All heavy atoms as atom14 arrays in JSON, in Angstrom:
{
  "sequence": "AHVINPDQEVVLALERMLEVPGAMEVNPFAGGRVKLIGVRVC",
  "atom14_mask": [
    [1, 1, 1, 1, 1, 0, 0, 0, 0, 0, 0, 0, 0, 0],
    [1, 1, 1, 1, 1, 1, 1, 1, 1, 1, 0, 0, 0, 0],
    [1, 1, 1, 1, 1, 1, 1, 0, 0, 0, 0, 0, 0, 0],
    [1, 1, 1, 1, 1, 1, 1, 1, 0, 0, 0, 0, 0, 0],
    [1, 1, 1, 1, 1, 1, 1, 1, 0, 0, 0, 0, 0, 0],
    [1, 1, 1, 1, 1, 1, 1, 0, 0, 0, 0, 0, 0, 0],
    [1, 1, 1, 1, 1, 1, 1, 1, 0, 0, 0, 0, 0, 0],
    [1, 1, 1, 1, 1, 1, 1, 1, 1, 0, 0, 0, 0, 0],
    [1, 1, 1, 1, 1, 1, 1, 1, 1, 0, 0, 0, 0, 0],
    [1, 1, 1, 1, 1, 1, 1, 0, 0, 0, 0, 0, 0, 0],
    [1, 1, 1, 1, 1, 1, 1, 0, 0, 0, 0, 0, 0, 0],
    [1, 1, 1, 1, 1, 1, 1, 1, 0, 0, 0, 0, 0, 0],
    [1, 1, 1, 1, 1, 0, 0, 0, 0, 0, 0, 0, 0, 0],
    [1, 1, 1, 1, 1, 1, 1, 1, 0, 0, 0, 0, 0, 0],
    [1, 1, 1, 1, 1, 1, 1, 1, 1, 0, 0, 0, 0, 0],
    [1, 1, 1, 1, 1, 1, 1, 1, 1, 1, 1, 0, 0, 0],
    [1, 1, 1, 1, 1, 1, 1, 1, 0, 0, 0, 0, 0, 0],
    [1, 1, 1, 1, 1, 1, 1, 1, 0, 0, 0, 0, 0, 0],
    [1, 1, 1, 1, 1, 1, 1, 1, 1, 0, 0, 0, 0, 0],
    [1, 1, 1, 1, 1, 1, 1, 0, 0, 0, 0, 0, 0, 0],
    [1, 1, 1, 1, 1, 1, 1, 0, 0, 0, 0, 0, 0, 0],
    [1, 1, 1, 1, 0, 0, 0, 0, 0, 0, 0, 0, 0, 0],
    [1, 1, 1, 1, 1, 0, 0, 0, 0, 0, 0, 0, 0, 0],
    [1, 1, 1, 1, 1, 1, 1, 1, 0, 0, 0, 0, 0, 0],
    [1, 1, 1, 1, 1, 1, 1, 1, 1, 0, 0, 0, 0, 0],
    [1, 1, 1, 1, 1, 1, 1, 0, 0, 0, 0, 0, 0, 0],
    [1, 1, 1, 1, 1, 1, 1, 1, 0, 0, 0, 0, 0, 0],
    [1, 1, 1, 1, 1, 1, 1, 0, 0, 0, 0, 0, 0, 0],
    [1, 1, 1, 1, 1, 1, 1, 1, 1, 1, 1, 0, 0, 0],
    [1, 1, 1, 1, 1, 0, 0, 0, 0, 0, 0, 0, 0, 0],
    [1, 1, 1, 1, 0, 0, 0, 0, 0, 0, 0, 0, 0, 0],
    [1, 1, 1, 1, 0, 0, 0, 0, 0, 0, 0, 0, 0, 0],
    [1, 1, 1, 1, 1, 1, 1, 1, 1, 1, 1, 0, 0, 0],
    [1, 1, 1, 1, 1, 1, 1, 0, 0, 0, 0, 0, 0, 0],
    [1, 1, 1, 1, 1, 1, 1, 1, 1, 0, 0, 0, 0, 0],
    [1, 1, 1, 1, 1, 1, 1, 1, 0, 0, 0, 0, 0, 0],
    [1, 1, 1, 1, 1, 1, 1, 1, 0, 0, 0, 0, 0, 0],
    [1, 1, 1, 1, 0, 0, 0, 0, 0, 0, 0, 0, 0, 0],
    [1, 1, 1, 1, 1, 1, 1, 0, 0, 0, 0, 0, 0, 0],
    [1, 1, 1, 1, 1, 1, 1, 1, 1, 1, 1, 0, 0, 0],
    [1, 1, 1, 1, 1, 1, 1, 0, 0, 0, 0, 0, 0, 0],
    [1, 1, 1, 1, 1, 1, 0, 0, 0, 0, 0, 0, 0, 0]
  ],
  "atom14_positions": [
    [[43.38, -7.93, -3.73], [42.9, -7.66, -2.37], [41.39, -7.53, -2.34], [40.74, -7.97, -1.37], [43.55, -6.4, -1.82], [0.0, 0.0, 0.0], [0.0, 0.0, 0.0], [0.0, 0.0, 0.0], [0.0, 0.0, 0.0], [0.0, 0.0, 0.0], [0.0, 0.0, 0.0], [0.0, 0.0, 0.0], [0.0, 0.0, 0.0], [0.0, 0.0, 0.0]],
    [[40.82, -6.93, -3.38], [39.36, -6.75, -3.39], [38.88, -6.59, -4.83], [39.46, -5.85, -5.61], [38.96, -5.51, -2.59], [37.47, -5.44, -2.33], [36.9, -6.0, -1.21], [36.46, -4.9, -3.05], [35.58, -5.78, -1.25], [35.31, -5.12, -2.35], [0.0, 0.0, 0.0], [0.0, 0.0, 0.0], [0.0, 0.0, 0.0], [0.0, 0.0, 0.0]],
    [[37.82, -7.34, -5.16], [37.17, -7.19, -6.46], [36.0, -6.23, -6.3], [35.12, -6.44, -5.46], [36.67, -8.55, -6.98], [35.79, -8.37, -8.21], [37.85, -9.46, -7.32], [0.0, 0.0, 0.0], [0.0, 0.0, 0.0], [0.0, 0.0, 0.0], [0.0, 0.0, 0.0], [0.0, 0.0, 0.0], [0.0, 0.0, 0.0], [0.0, 0.0, 0.0]],
    [[36.01, -5.17, -7.08], [34.95, -4.15, -7.02], [33.94, -4.43, -8.11], [34.28, -4.39, -9.3], [35.53, -2.75, -7.2], [36.62, -2.47, -6.15], [34.44, -1.69, -7.12], [37.45, -1.24, -6.46], [0.0, 0.0, 0.0], [0.0, 0.0, 0.0], [0.0, 0.0, 0.0], [0.0, 0.0, 0.0], [0.0, 0.0, 0.0], [0.0, 0.0, 0.0]],
    [[32.71, -4.72, -7.72], [31.63, -4.86, -8.68], [30.61, -3.76, -8.43], [29.84, -3.84, -7.46], [30.96, -6.23, -8.58], [29.84, -6.4, -9.59], [28.68, -6.07, -9.31], [30.17, -6.88, -10.76], [0.0, 0.0, 0.0], [0.0, 0.0, 0.0], [0.0, 0.0, 0.0], [0.0, 0.0, 0.0], [0.0, 0.0, 0.0], [0.0, 0.0, 0.0]],
    [[30.62, -2.7, -9.24], [29.74, -1.56, -8.96], [28.27, -1.92, -8.87], [27.55, -1.36, -8.06], [30.02, -0.61, -10.15], [31.38, -1.0, -10.63], [31.48, -2.47, -10.42], [0.0, 0.0, 0.0], [0.0, 0.0, 0.0], [0.0, 0.0, 0.0], [0.0, 0.0, 0.0], [0.0, 0.0, 0.0], [0.0, 0.0, 0.0], [0.0, 0.0, 0.0]],
    [[27.83, -2.88, -9.69], [26.42, -3.26, -9.66], [26.04, -3.86, -8.32], [25.01, -3.49, -7.72], [26.11, -4.26, -10.79], [26.28, -3.65, -12.17], [26.42, -2.41, -12.26], [26.28, -4.4, -13.16], [0.0, 0.0, 0.0], [0.0, 0.0, 0.0], [0.0, 0.0, 0.0], [0.0, 0.0, 0.0], [0.0, 0.0, 0.0], [0.0, 0.0, 0.0]],
    [[26.86, -4.77, -7.83], [26.57, -5.39, -6.53], [26.69, -4.39, -5.38], [25.9, -4.43, -4.43], [27.51, -6.57, -6.31], [27.23, -7.75, -7.23], [28.16, -8.93, -6.97], [29.2, -8.8, -6.34], [27.79, -10.09, -7.49], [0.0, 0.0, 0.0], [0.0, 0.0, 0.0], [0.0, 0.0, 0.0], [0.0, 0.0, 0.0], [0.0, 0.0, 0.0]],
    [[27.65, -3.48, -5.5], [27.82, -2.48, -4.45], [26.6, -1.58, -4.33], [26.16, -1.24, -3.23], [29.07, -1.62, -4.75], [30.39, -2.37, -4.74], [30.93, -2.63, -3.35], [30.32, -2.15, -2.39], [31.96, -3.31, -3.23], [0.0, 0.0, 0.0], [0.0, 0.0, 0.0], [0.0, 0.0, 0.0], [0.0, 0.0, 0.0], [0.0, 0.0, 0.0]],
    [[26.03, -1.19, -5.48], [24.89, -0.29, -5.43], [23.65, -1.01, -4.91], [22.8, -0.41, -4.23], [24.63, 0.35, -6.82], [23.9, -0.58, -7.76], [23.85, 1.66, -6.66], [0.0, 0.0, 0.0], [0.0, 0.0, 0.0], [0.0, 0.0, 0.0], [0.0, 0.0, 0.0], [0.0, 0.0, 0.0], [0.0, 0.0, 0.0], [0.0, 0.0, 0.0]],
    [[23.52, -2.31, -5.19], [22.38, -3.06, -4.66], [22.5, -3.19, -3.14], [21.5, -3.1, -2.43], [22.29, -4.44, -5.34], [21.26, -5.32, -4.64], [21.93, -4.28, -6.81], [0.0, 0.0, 0.0], [0.0, 0.0, 0.0], [0.0, 0.0, 0.0], [0.0, 0.0, 0.0], [0.0, 0.0, 0.0], [0.0, 0.0, 0.0], [0.0, 0.0, 0.0]],
    [[23.71, -3.39, -2.64], [23.89, -3.43, -1.19], [23.49, -2.1, -0.55], [22.86, -2.08, 0.51], [25.36, -3.75, -0.86], [25.82, -5.19, -1.13], [27.32, -5.31, -0.91], [25.07, -6.17, -0.24], [0.0, 0.0, 0.0], [0.0, 0.0, 0.0], [0.0, 0.0, 0.0], [0.0, 0.0, 0.0], [0.0, 0.0, 0.0], [0.0, 0.0, 0.0]],
    [[23.88, -1.0, -1.21], [23.49, 0.33, -0.7], [21.98, 0.48, -0.71], [21.39, 1.06, 0.21], [24.15, 1.42, -1.53], [0.0, 0.0, 0.0], [0.0, 0.0, 0.0], [0.0, 0.0, 0.0], [0.0, 0.0, 0.0], [0.0, 0.0, 0.0], [0.0, 0.0, 0.0], [0.0, 0.0, 0.0], [0.0, 0.0, 0.0], [0.0, 0.0, 0.0]],
    [[21.34, -0.03, -1.75], [19.88, 0.04, -1.85], [19.23, -0.76, -0.74], [18.28, -0.28, -0.08], [19.45, -0.5, -3.22], [17.95, -0.68, -3.44], [17.23, 0.66, -3.37], [17.68, -1.34, -4.79], [0.0, 0.0, 0.0], [0.0, 0.0, 0.0], [0.0, 0.0, 0.0], [0.0, 0.0, 0.0], [0.0, 0.0, 0.0], [0.0, 0.0, 0.0]],
    [[19.73, -1.96, -0.48], [19.17, -2.79, 0.59], [19.28, -2.09, 1.93], [18.32, -2.1, 2.72], [19.9, -4.13, 0.64], [19.58, -5.07, -0.5], [20.27, -6.42, -0.31], [19.68, -7.31, 0.34], [21.42, -6.55, -0.78], [0.0, 0.0, 0.0], [0.0, 0.0, 0.0], [0.0, 0.0, 0.0], [0.0, 0.0, 0.0], [0.0, 0.0, 0.0]],
    [[20.45, -1.5, 2.2], [20.61, -0.81, 3.49], [19.64, 0.34, 3.62], [19.08, 0.59, 4.71], [22.06, -0.31, 3.62], [23.09, -1.42, 3.77], [24.43, -0.87, 4.23], [25.03, 0.02, 3.24], [25.93, -0.37, 2.35], [26.31, -1.64, 2.31], [26.47, 0.49, 1.52], [0.0, 0.0, 0.0], [0.0, 0.0, 0.0], [0.0, 0.0, 0.0]],
    [[19.41, 1.07, 2.54], [18.51, 2.22, 2.58], [17.07, 1.79, 2.85], [16.35, 2.45, 3.6], [18.6, 2.98, 1.26], [17.95, 4.34, 1.27], [18.22, 5.23, -0.28], [19.97, 5.6, -0.17], [0.0, 0.0, 0.0], [0.0, 0.0, 0.0], [0.0, 0.0, 0.0], [0.0, 0.0, 0.0], [0.0, 0.0, 0.0], [0.0, 0.0, 0.0]],
    [[16.66, 0.67, 2.26], [15.29, 0.21, 2.44], [15.07, -0.45, 3.8], [13.96, -0.47, 4.32], [14.91, -0.76, 1.33], [14.83, -0.16, -0.08], [14.46, -1.23, -1.1], [13.83, 0.98, -0.14], [0.0, 0.0, 0.0], [0.0, 0.0, 0.0], [0.0, 0.0, 0.0], [0.0, 0.0, 0.0], [0.0, 0.0, 0.0], [0.0, 0.0, 0.0]],
    [[16.14, -0.99, 4.38], [16.02, -1.61, 5.71], [15.8, -0.58, 6.8], [15.3, -0.91, 7.87], [17.29, -2.43, 6.01], [17.36, -3.75, 5.26], [18.69, -4.46, 5.49], [19.54, -3.87, 6.18], [18.86, -5.56, 4.97], [0.0, 0.0, 0.0], [0.0, 0.0, 0.0], [0.0, 0.0, 0.0], [0.0, 0.0, 0.0], [0.0, 0.0, 0.0]],
    [[16.21, 0.67, 6.54], [16.06, 1.74, 7.55], [15.12, 2.8, 6.96], [15.58, 3.73, 6.29], [17.43, 2.35, 7.9], [17.26, 3.38, 9.02], [18.41, 1.27, 8.32], [0.0, 0.0, 0.0], [0.0, 0.0, 0.0], [0.0, 0.0, 0.0], [0.0, 0.0, 0.0], [0.0, 0.0, 0.0], [0.0, 0.0, 0.0], [0.0, 0.0, 0.0]],
    [[13.82, 2.66, 7.13], [12.87, 3.59, 6.53], [13.15, 5.03, 6.97], [13.42, 5.3, 8.12], [11.52, 3.11, 7.08], [11.73, 1.69, 7.47], [13.16, 1.61, 7.91], [0.0, 0.0, 0.0], [0.0, 0.0, 0.0], [0.0, 0.0, 0.0], [0.0, 0.0, 0.0], [0.0, 0.0, 0.0], [0.0, 0.0, 0.0], [0.0, 0.0, 0.0]],
    [[13.11, 5.93, 6.0], [13.34, 7.33, 6.29], [14.79, 7.75, 6.16], [15.08, 8.95, 6.13], [0.0, 0.0, 0.0], [0.0, 0.0, 0.0], [0.0, 0.0, 0.0], [0.0, 0.0, 0.0], [0.0, 0.0, 0.0], [0.0, 0.0, 0.0], [0.0, 0.0, 0.0], [0.0, 0.0, 0.0], [0.0, 0.0, 0.0], [0.0, 0.0, 0.0]],
    [[15.7, 6.8, 6.09], [17.12, 7.12, 6.01], [17.51, 7.56, 4.62], [17.06, 6.99, 3.61], [17.97, 5.93, 6.43], [0.0, 0.0, 0.0], [0.0, 0.0, 0.0], [0.0, 0.0, 0.0], [0.0, 0.0, 0.0], [0.0, 0.0, 0.0], [0.0, 0.0, 0.0], [0.0, 0.0, 0.0], [0.0, 0.0, 0.0], [0.0, 0.0, 0.0]],
    [[18.35, 8.58, 4.53], [18.92, 9.02, 3.26], [20.23, 8.3, 2.97], [20.58, 8.06, 1.81], [19.17, 10.53, 3.3], [17.9, 11.34, 3.49], [18.24, 13.04, 4.02], [19.33, 13.59, 2.72], [0.0, 0.0, 0.0], [0.0, 0.0, 0.0], [0.0, 0.0, 0.0], [0.0, 0.0, 0.0], [0.0, 0.0, 0.0], [0.0, 0.0, 0.0]],
    [[20.95, 7.97, 4.02], [22.2, 7.22, 3.89], [22.31, 6.28, 5.08], [21.93, 6.63, 6.19], [23.42, 8.15, 3.88], [23.52, 9.07, 2.69], [24.77, 9.94, 2.75], [25.83, 9.42, 3.15], [24.68, 11.13, 2.4], [0.0, 0.0, 0.0], [0.0, 0.0, 0.0], [0.0, 0.0, 0.0], [0.0, 0.0, 0.0], [0.0, 0.0, 0.0]],
    [[22.83, 5.09, 4.83], [23.09, 4.12, 5.89], [24.5, 3.56, 5.68], [24.77, 2.94, 4.66], [22.06, 2.97, 5.87], [22.36, 1.98, 7.0], [20.64, 3.51, 6.01], [0.0, 0.0, 0.0], [0.0, 0.0, 0.0], [0.0, 0.0, 0.0], [0.0, 0.0, 0.0], [0.0, 0.0, 0.0], [0.0, 0.0, 0.0], [0.0, 0.0, 0.0]],
    [[25.36, 3.79, 6.64], [26.75, 3.33, 6.55], [27.05, 2.41, 7.74], [27.14, 2.87, 8.87], [27.71, 4.52, 6.57], [27.48, 5.45, 5.38], [27.58, 5.04, 4.24], [27.15, 6.71, 5.66], [0.0, 0.0, 0.0], [0.0, 0.0, 0.0], [0.0, 0.0, 0.0], [0.0, 0.0, 0.0], [0.0, 0.0, 0.0], [0.0, 0.0, 0.0]],
    [[27.18, 1.12, 7.48], [27.45, 0.17, 8.59], [28.95, 0.08, 8.89], [29.79, 0.2, 8.01], [26.93, -1.15, 8.05], [27.12, -1.05, 6.56], [26.97, 0.42, 6.2], [0.0, 0.0, 0.0], [0.0, 0.0, 0.0], [0.0, 0.0, 0.0], [0.0, 0.0, 0.0], [0.0, 0.0, 0.0], [0.0, 0.0, 0.0], [0.0, 0.0, 0.0]],
    [[29.25, -0.15, 10.17], [30.62, -0.41, 10.61], [30.6, -1.66, 11.49], [29.55, -2.04, 12.01], [31.17, 0.77, 11.4], [31.32, 2.03, 10.58], [30.37, 3.03, 10.64], [32.42, 2.21, 9.76], [30.49, 4.19, 9.87], [32.56, 3.36, 9.0], [31.59, 4.35, 9.05], [0.0, 0.0, 0.0], [0.0, 0.0, 0.0], [0.0, 0.0, 0.0]],
    [[31.76, -2.26, 11.66], [31.91, -3.44, 12.52], [30.89, -4.51, 12.16], [30.22, -5.07, 13.02], [31.78, -3.04, 14.0], [0.0, 0.0, 0.0], [0.0, 0.0, 0.0], [0.0, 0.0, 0.0], [0.0, 0.0, 0.0], [0.0, 0.0, 0.0], [0.0, 0.0, 0.0], [0.0, 0.0, 0.0], [0.0, 0.0, 0.0], [0.0, 0.0, 0.0]],
    [[30.78, -4.78, 10.85], [29.88, -5.83, 10.4], [28.42, -5.54, 10.67], [27.61, -6.47, 10.79], [0.0, 0.0, 0.0], [0.0, 0.0, 0.0], [0.0, 0.0, 0.0], [0.0, 0.0, 0.0], [0.0, 0.0, 0.0], [0.0, 0.0, 0.0], [0.0, 0.0, 0.0], [0.0, 0.0, 0.0], [0.0, 0.0, 0.0], [0.0, 0.0, 0.0]],
    [[28.04, -4.26, 10.77], [26.65, -3.87, 10.99], [26.29, -3.67, 12.44], [25.16, -3.26, 12.75], [0.0, 0.0, 0.0], [0.0, 0.0, 0.0], [0.0, 0.0, 0.0], [0.0, 0.0, 0.0], [0.0, 0.0, 0.0], [0.0, 0.0, 0.0], [0.0, 0.0, 0.0], [0.0, 0.0, 0.0], [0.0, 0.0, 0.0], [0.0, 0.0, 0.0]],
    [[27.25, -3.91, 13.34], [26.93, -3.7, 14.77], [26.81, -2.23, 15.11], [26.22, -1.86, 16.14], [28.01, -4.36, 15.63], [27.89, -5.88, 15.71], [28.92, -6.47, 16.62], [30.25, -6.37, 16.04], [31.38, -6.4, 16.73], [31.34, -6.48, 18.04], [32.54, -6.33, 16.11], [0.0, 0.0, 0.0], [0.0, 0.0, 0.0], [0.0, 0.0, 0.0]],
    [[27.35, -1.37, 14.26], [27.26, 0.08, 14.42], [26.81, 0.67, 13.1], [27.26, 0.21, 12.04], [28.6, 0.69, 14.83], [28.52, 2.2, 14.94], [29.1, 0.09, 16.14], [0.0, 0.0, 0.0], [0.0, 0.0, 0.0], [0.0, 0.0, 0.0], [0.0, 0.0, 0.0], [0.0, 0.0, 0.0], [0.0, 0.0, 0.0], [0.0, 0.0, 0.0]],
    [[25.93, 1.67, 13.14], [25.47, 2.29, 11.9], [25.5, 3.81, 12.01], [25.07, 4.37, 13.04], [24.06, 1.82, 11.55], [24.01, 0.34, 11.14], [22.63, -0.12, 10.75], [22.66, -1.59, 10.33], [21.3, -2.08, 9.98], [0.0, 0.0, 0.0], [0.0, 0.0, 0.0], [0.0, 0.0, 0.0], [0.0, 0.0, 0.0], [0.0, 0.0, 0.0]],
    [[26.02, 4.43, 10.96], [26.0, 5.89, 10.83], [24.92, 6.2, 9.82], [25.0, 5.81, 8.65], [27.36, 6.39, 10.36], [27.49, 7.89, 10.1], [27.31, 8.69, 11.39], [28.84, 8.21, 9.46], [0.0, 0.0, 0.0], [0.0, 0.0, 0.0], [0.0, 0.0, 0.0], [0.0, 0.0, 0.0], [0.0, 0.0, 0.0], [0.0, 0.0, 0.0]],
    [[23.9, 6.94, 10.24], [22.69, 7.12, 9.44], [22.43, 8.59, 9.19], [22.53, 9.42, 10.11], [21.48, 6.46, 10.15], [21.7, 4.95, 10.21], [20.17, 6.8, 9.44], [20.65, 4.23, 11.03], [0.0, 0.0, 0.0], [0.0, 0.0, 0.0], [0.0, 0.0, 0.0], [0.0, 0.0, 0.0], [0.0, 0.0, 0.0], [0.0, 0.0, 0.0]],
    [[22.09, 8.92, 7.95], [21.67, 10.27, 7.6], [20.16, 10.33, 7.44], [19.57, 9.5, 6.74], [0.0, 0.0, 0.0], [0.0, 0.0, 0.0], [0.0, 0.0, 0.0], [0.0, 0.0, 0.0], [0.0, 0.0, 0.0], [0.0, 0.0, 0.0], [0.0, 0.0, 0.0], [0.0, 0.0, 0.0], [0.0, 0.0, 0.0], [0.0, 0.0, 0.0]],
    [[19.52, 11.3, 8.1], [18.07, 11.41, 8.06], [17.66, 12.87, 8.19], [18.35, 13.66, 8.83], [17.45, 10.56, 9.2], [17.88, 11.08, 10.57], [15.93, 10.5, 9.11], [0.0, 0.0, 0.0], [0.0, 0.0, 0.0], [0.0, 0.0, 0.0], [0.0, 0.0, 0.0], [0.0, 0.0, 0.0], [0.0, 0.0, 0.0], [0.0, 0.0, 0.0]],
    [[16.55, 13.22, 7.56], [16.03, 14.58, 7.71], [15.12, 14.65, 8.92], [14.29, 13.76, 9.15], [15.27, 15.01, 6.45], [14.82, 16.48, 6.52], [14.24, 16.95, 5.2], [15.24, 17.03, 4.15], [16.09, 18.03, 3.98], [16.09, 19.04, 4.84], [16.94, 18.03, 2.99], [0.0, 0.0, 0.0], [0.0, 0.0, 0.0], [0.0, 0.0, 0.0]],
    [[15.26, 15.71, 9.72], [14.46, 15.87, 10.94], [13.04, 16.27, 10.56], [12.82, 17.3, 9.92], [15.1, 16.93, 11.87], [14.24, 17.14, 13.11], [16.52, 16.51, 12.25], [0.0, 0.0, 0.0], [0.0, 0.0, 0.0], [0.0, 0.0, 0.0], [0.0, 0.0, 0.0], [0.0, 0.0, 0.0], [0.0, 0.0, 0.0], [0.0, 0.0, 0.0]],
    [[12.07, 15.44, 10.95], [10.66, 15.72, 10.67], [10.15, 16.85, 11.57], [10.67, 17.07, 12.67], [9.81, 14.47, 10.89], [9.96, 13.23, 9.6], [0.0, 0.0, 0.0], [0.0, 0.0, 0.0], [0.0, 0.0, 0.0], [0.0, 0.0, 0.0], [0.0, 0.0, 0.0], [0.0, 0.0, 0.0], [0.0, 0.0, 0.0], [0.0, 0.0, 0.0]]
  ]
}
């Protein structure tokens, strides 16, 4: 059903984090049309 490649998964997480400056976590849903983002309040 799904091949898990930890190296590729972590690079995807890294890309998402760098695409959203200031974000601690970026979790996309619905193919990226919705995002749940963790950020510290400045």
